[in-house]
Amino acid sequence: MTQIGATSRPAAYAAAAAVVARRDAATAPAEAFAVSATPPVAPPTDSSRAREQLRQQIMAERGLDMRGLYGMSSQDRIRAEAGIMAEISLRTRQAQDRARAELRGLGTRVDIRV
C-alpha cells in the first residue's frame, strides 16, 4: 500500500543522514579546538568530610578525643560538644566570608537588562 505524498523510507533516511553529516562537518572545527564559553568550575567539596576534619582539628586543639568525651559527665560532654559546634560554625562562616571577599573583587554588578 502506498500513500499519496509519502516519501519512501530509504529516501527519508538518506535525507536525515545528509543533515547529520552537514552538522558534523560544521561543528568539527570548533570541537577540534575544544573551546567552551563556560568557565571551568571546581568540583564541589564534600562538606560532611570537611566538617568532620574541622571537628577533629578543633578537638585536637582543645586536647580532647572521643574517649575523653565519653569519659566526661553528661553536662561536661554537652558543654564540650556545644563549644565544638560553635567553633565549627564560626570557622565555616569565616571561610565563606573569605571566599565571598575573593569573588567581590571579580565584579559586583551584572547587567541582565534586555
Protein backbone atom coordinates (compact mmCIF):
# COMPACT_ATOMS: atom_id res chain seq x y z
CA MET A 1 0.00 0.00 0.00
CA THR A 2 1.18 3.49 -0.74
CA GLN A 3 0.08 6.86 0.50
CA ILE A 4 -0.08 9.91 -1.65
CA GLY A 5 2.66 12.39 -0.71
CA ALA A 6 4.59 9.92 1.44
CA THR A 7 8.29 9.56 0.78
CA SER A 8 9.90 6.22 0.62
CA ARG A 9 11.83 5.21 3.72
CA PRO A 10 15.26 4.96 2.11
CA ALA A 11 14.95 8.49 0.74
CA ALA A 12 13.89 9.84 4.15
CA TYR A 13 16.79 8.08 5.89
CA ALA A 14 19.23 9.41 3.30
CA ALA A 15 17.99 12.97 3.85
CA ALA A 16 18.38 12.61 7.64
CA ALA A 17 21.90 11.20 7.22
CA ALA A 18 22.81 14.15 5.00
CA VAL A 19 21.62 16.61 7.67
CA VAL A 20 23.69 14.83 10.33
CA ALA A 21 26.76 14.82 8.07
CA ARG A 22 26.42 18.57 7.40
CA ARG A 23 26.04 19.28 11.11
CA ASP A 24 29.10 17.16 11.97
CA ALA A 25 31.14 18.88 9.26
CA ALA A 26 30.11 22.31 10.59
CA THR A 27 30.94 21.55 14.22
CA ALA A 28 34.21 19.67 13.64
CA PRO A 29 36.46 22.80 13.62
CA ALA A 30 35.00 24.04 16.92
CA GLU A 31 35.36 20.62 18.51
CA ALA A 32 38.99 20.43 17.39
CA PHE A 33 39.82 23.50 19.48
CA ALA A 34 37.71 22.28 22.41
CA VAL A 35 36.69 25.84 23.22
CA SER A 36 33.96 26.33 25.76
CA ALA A 37 32.16 29.55 26.63
CA THR A 38 31.61 28.42 30.21
CA PRO A 39 34.45 28.77 32.71
CA PRO A 40 35.64 25.63 34.48
CA VAL A 41 34.04 25.06 37.84
CA ALA A 42 35.80 23.49 40.78
CA PRO A 43 34.22 20.24 41.90
CA PRO A 44 32.05 20.58 44.97
CA THR A 45 33.70 19.74 48.24
CA ASP A 46 32.38 17.04 50.47
CA SER A 47 31.03 19.26 53.24
CA SER A 48 30.44 16.45 55.72
CA ARG A 49 34.04 15.25 55.36
CA ALA A 50 35.39 18.81 55.65
CA ARG A 51 33.23 19.43 58.72
CA GLU A 52 34.46 16.21 60.34
CA GLN A 53 38.09 17.13 59.66
CA LEU A 54 37.46 20.55 61.19
CA ARG A 55 35.87 18.86 64.20
CA GLN A 56 38.91 16.62 64.66
CA GLN A 57 41.21 19.65 64.39
CA ILE A 58 39.26 21.62 66.99
CA MET A 59 39.16 18.65 69.35
CA ALA A 60 42.93 18.24 68.98
CA GLU A 61 43.46 21.94 69.72
CA ARG A 62 41.40 21.57 72.88
CA GLY A 63 43.17 18.36 73.91
CA LEU A 64 40.07 16.19 73.53
CA ASP A 65 39.46 12.88 71.84
CA MET A 66 36.38 10.68 71.54
CA ARG A 67 37.41 8.57 74.51
CA GLY A 68 37.80 11.72 76.61
CA LEU A 69 34.34 12.92 75.60
CA TYR A 70 32.77 9.60 76.56
CA GLY A 71 34.53 9.71 79.92
CA MET A 72 33.08 13.12 80.81
CA SER A 73 29.93 13.67 82.77
CA SER A 74 26.87 14.34 80.65
CA GLN A 75 26.81 18.08 81.38
CA ASP A 76 30.52 18.49 80.61
CA ARG A 77 30.14 16.50 77.39
CA ILE A 78 27.19 18.66 76.32
CA ARG A 79 29.18 21.82 77.03
CA ALA A 80 32.20 20.49 75.12
CA GLU A 81 30.08 19.40 72.14
CA ALA A 82 28.29 22.77 72.07
CA GLY A 83 31.62 24.60 72.14
CA ILE A 84 32.98 22.44 69.32
CA MET A 85 29.86 23.01 67.21
CA ALA A 86 30.02 26.76 67.80
CA GLU A 87 33.69 26.81 66.78
CA ILE A 88 32.93 24.79 63.63
CA SER A 89 30.18 27.25 62.69
CA LEU A 90 32.45 30.22 63.33
CA ARG A 91 35.31 28.86 61.24
CA THR A 92 32.98 27.78 58.44
CA ARG A 93 31.44 31.26 58.37
CA GLN A 94 34.89 32.88 58.28
CA ALA A 95 35.94 30.65 55.36
CA GLN A 96 32.75 31.53 53.48
CA ASP A 97 33.33 35.24 54.11
CA ARG A 98 36.87 34.96 52.74
CA ALA A 99 35.55 33.18 49.64
CA ARG A 100 32.91 35.89 49.13
CA ALA A 101 35.53 38.61 49.52
CA GLU A 102 37.62 37.00 46.77
CA LEU A 103 34.59 36.88 44.49
CA ARG A 104 33.73 40.53 45.15
CA GLY A 105 36.99 41.53 43.52
CA LEU A 106 35.90 39.86 40.29
CA GLY A 107 32.91 42.13 39.77
CA THR A 108 29.99 43.44 41.68
CA ARG A 109 27.36 44.15 39.07
CA VAL A 110 25.82 42.06 36.37
CA ASP A 111 23.51 43.84 33.98
CA ILE A 112 20.79 41.45 32.84
CA ARG A 113 18.55 44.00 31.15
CA VAL A 114 17.41 43.10 27.69
